[in-house]
C-alpha atoms as a PDB file:
ATOM      1  CA  MET A   1      24.871  20.037 -27.701  1.00  0.00           C
ATOM      2  CA  ILE A   2      22.508  16.755 -27.093  1.00  0.00           C
ATOM      3  CA  ALA A   3      25.060  15.555 -23.878  1.00  0.00           C
ATOM      4  CA  ASN A   4      24.906  19.302 -22.316  1.00  0.00           C
ATOM      5  CA  THR A   5      20.760  19.125 -22.957  1.00  0.00           C
ATOM      6  CA  LEU A   6      20.454  15.438 -21.116  1.00  0.00           C
ATOM      7  CA  LEU A   7      22.998  16.974 -18.280  1.00  0.00           C
ATOM      8  CA  SER A   8      21.077  20.062 -17.597  1.00  0.00           C
ATOM      9  CA  THR A   9      17.614  18.196 -17.817  1.00  0.00           C
ATOM     10  CA  ALA A  10      18.830  15.835 -15.472  1.00  0.00           C
ATOM     11  CA  ILE A  11      20.331  18.483 -12.848  1.00  0.00           C
ATOM     12  CA  ALA A  12      16.798  20.139 -13.321  1.00  0.00           C
ATOM     13  CA  THR A  13      14.901  17.389 -12.402  1.00  0.00           C
ATOM     14  CA  THR A  14      17.315  16.214  -9.566  1.00  0.00           C
ATOM     15  CA  LEU A  15      16.399  19.412  -8.018  1.00  0.00           C
ATOM     16  CA  LEU A  16      12.815  19.881  -8.805  1.00  0.00           C
ATOM     17  CA  ASN A  17      11.606  16.529  -8.353  1.00  0.00           C
ATOM     18  CA  PRO A  18      11.040  16.655  -4.226  1.00  0.00           C
ATOM     19  CA  LEU A  19       9.154  20.401  -5.182  1.00  0.00           C
ATOM     20  CA  GLU A  20       6.658  18.205  -7.759  1.00  0.00           C
ATOM     21  CA  VAL A  21       6.121  15.437  -5.409  1.00  0.00           C
ATOM     22  CA  LEU A  22       5.102  18.164  -2.646  1.00  0.00           C
ATOM     23  CA  ILE A  23       2.727  19.628  -5.260  1.00  0.00           C
ATOM     24  CA  THR A  24       1.187  16.663  -6.194  1.00  0.00           C
ATOM     25  CA  ARG A  25       0.762  15.405  -2.772  1.00  0.00           C
ATOM     26  CA  TYR A  26      -0.945  19.101  -1.456  1.00  0.00           C
ATOM     27  CA  ALA A  27      -3.169  18.948  -4.549  1.00  0.00           C
ATOM     28  CA  LEU A  28      -4.457  15.810  -3.408  1.00  0.00           C
ATOM     29  CA  VAL A  29      -5.494  16.556   0.534  1.00  0.00           C
ATOM     30  CA  ASP A  30      -8.765  17.682   0.538  1.00  0.00           C
ATOM     31  CA  THR A  31      -8.106  21.218   2.297  1.00  0.00           C
ATOM     32  CA  THR A  32     -11.756  21.771   3.455  1.00  0.00           C
ATOM     33  CA  LYS A  33     -11.346  19.122   6.184  1.00  0.00           C
ATOM     34  CA  LYS A  34      -7.651  19.467   6.802  1.00  0.00           C
ATOM     35  CA  LYS A  35      -5.349  22.532   7.180  1.00  0.00           C
ATOM     36  CA  LEU A  36      -1.783  21.547   5.614  1.00  0.00           C
ATOM     37  CA  VAL A  37       1.486  23.027   6.756  1.00  0.00           C
ATOM     38  CA  PHE A  38       3.925  22.484   4.571  1.00  0.00           C
ATOM     39  CA  ARG A  39       6.525  21.492   7.289  1.00  0.00           C
ATOM     40  CA  ASN A  40       4.375  18.761   8.422  1.00  0.00           C
ATOM     41  CA  MET A  41       3.788  17.360   4.569  1.00  0.00           C
ATOM     42  CA  VAL A  42       7.656  17.329   4.074  1.00  0.00           C
ATOM     43  CA  ASN A  43       8.060  16.093   7.895  1.00  0.00           C
ATOM     44  CA  ARG A  44       5.671  13.354   7.184  1.00  0.00           C
ATOM     45  CA  ILE A  45       7.128  11.935   3.689  1.00  0.00           C
ATOM     46  CA  TYR A  46      10.281  11.954   5.459  1.00  0.00           C
ATOM     47  CA  LYS A  47       9.056  10.055   8.279  1.00  0.00           C
ATOM     48  CA  ARG A  48       7.275   7.581   6.325  1.00  0.00           C
ATOM     49  CA  GLU A  49       9.408   6.890   3.259  1.00  0.00           C
ATOM     50  CA  GLY A  50      12.579   8.742   3.732  1.00  0.00           C
ATOM     51  CA  LEU A  51      14.851  10.826   1.493  1.00  0.00           C
ATOM     52  CA  LYS A  52      13.161   8.489  -1.438  1.00  0.00           C
ATOM     53  CA  GLY A  53       9.659   9.704  -0.883  1.00  0.00           C
ATOM     54  CA  PHE A  54      10.662  12.867  -2.347  1.00  0.00           C
ATOM     55  CA  TYR A  55      11.779  11.125  -5.660  1.00  0.00           C
ATOM     56  CA  LYS A  56       9.028   8.935  -6.266  1.00  0.00           C
ATOM     57  CA  GLY A  57       8.618   9.110 -10.177  1.00  0.00           C
ATOM     58  CA  TYR A  58      12.064  10.477 -10.855  1.00  0.00           C
ATOM     59  CA  LEU A  59      12.952   8.271 -13.709  1.00  0.00           C
ATOM     60  CA  THR A  60       9.448   9.026 -15.440  1.00  0.00           C
ATOM     61  CA  GLU A  61       9.914  12.927 -14.779  1.00  0.00           C
ATOM     62  CA  LEU A  62      13.721  12.605 -16.081  1.00  0.00           C
ATOM     63  CA  LEU A  63      12.593  10.424 -19.275  1.00  0.00           C
ATOM     64  CA  HIS A  64       9.666  13.294 -19.834  1.00  0.00           C
ATOM     65  CA  HIS A  65      11.674  16.123 -19.661  1.00  0.00           C
ATOM     66  CA  SER A  66      14.624  14.712 -21.474  1.00  0.00           C
ATOM     67  CA  ILE A  67      12.608  13.660 -24.448  1.00  0.00           C
ATOM     68  CA  SER A  68      10.981  16.949 -24.414  1.00  0.00           C
ATOM     69  CA  ALA A  69      14.269  19.053 -24.167  1.00  0.00           C
ATOM     70  CA  LEU A  70      15.788  16.597 -27.151  1.00  0.00           C
ATOM     71  CA  PHE A  71      13.129  18.144 -29.504  1.00  0.00           C
ATOM     72  CA  PHE A  72      11.997  21.232 -28.371  1.00  0.00           C
ATOM     73  CA  LEU A  73      15.952  22.871 -28.376  1.00  0.00           C
ATOM     74  CA  PRO A  74      16.729  21.989 -31.825  1.00  0.00           C
ATOM     75  CA  LEU A  75      13.319  23.095 -33.008  1.00  0.00           C
ATOM     76  CA  TYR A  76      13.836  26.131 -31.144  1.00  0.00           C
ATOM     77  CA  GLN A  77      17.033  26.952 -32.506  1.00  0.00           C
ATOM     78  CA  ILE A  78      15.752  26.176 -36.116  1.00  0.00           C
ATOM     79  CA  VAL A  79      12.791  28.656 -35.713  1.00  0.00           C
ATOM     80  CA  ARG A  80      14.949  31.184 -34.062  1.00  0.00           C
ATOM     81  CA  GLU A  81      17.508  31.044 -36.854  1.00  0.00           C
ATOM     82  CA  LYS A  82      14.466  31.530 -39.844  1.00  0.00           C
ATOM     83  CA  TYR A  83      12.483  33.924 -37.895  1.00  0.00           C
ATOM     84  CA  GLY A  84      14.392  35.369 -34.852  1.00  0.00           C
ATOM     85  CA  ILE A  85      15.317  38.827 -34.511  1.00  0.00           C
ATOM     86  CA  GLU A  86      19.298  39.313 -35.068  1.00  0.00           C
ATOM     87  CA  LEU A  87      20.955  41.626 -32.383  1.00  0.00           C
ATOM     88  CA  HIS A  88      23.770  43.508 -33.497  1.00  0.00           C
ATOM     89  CA  GLU A  89      26.579  44.536 -31.177  1.00  0.00           C
END
């Protein structure tokens, strides 16, 4: 169960980290002075930093999500078994 949790967390973080980078950079720009175009932002990151630019902070995110998942999923299972609704087929 732990290996599955870590694997699914790694896959999700790998797929979503570029979006997190874009969201963070979008939030840091003053949109009252500058109009942002998503495509331009993607092109700028790719030209300046390459593919690595989309994975800045990847290890930190992976560690954060892995630790959270390792605590949350077992706790969720315990609570669900104790207080959850049983479904009968």
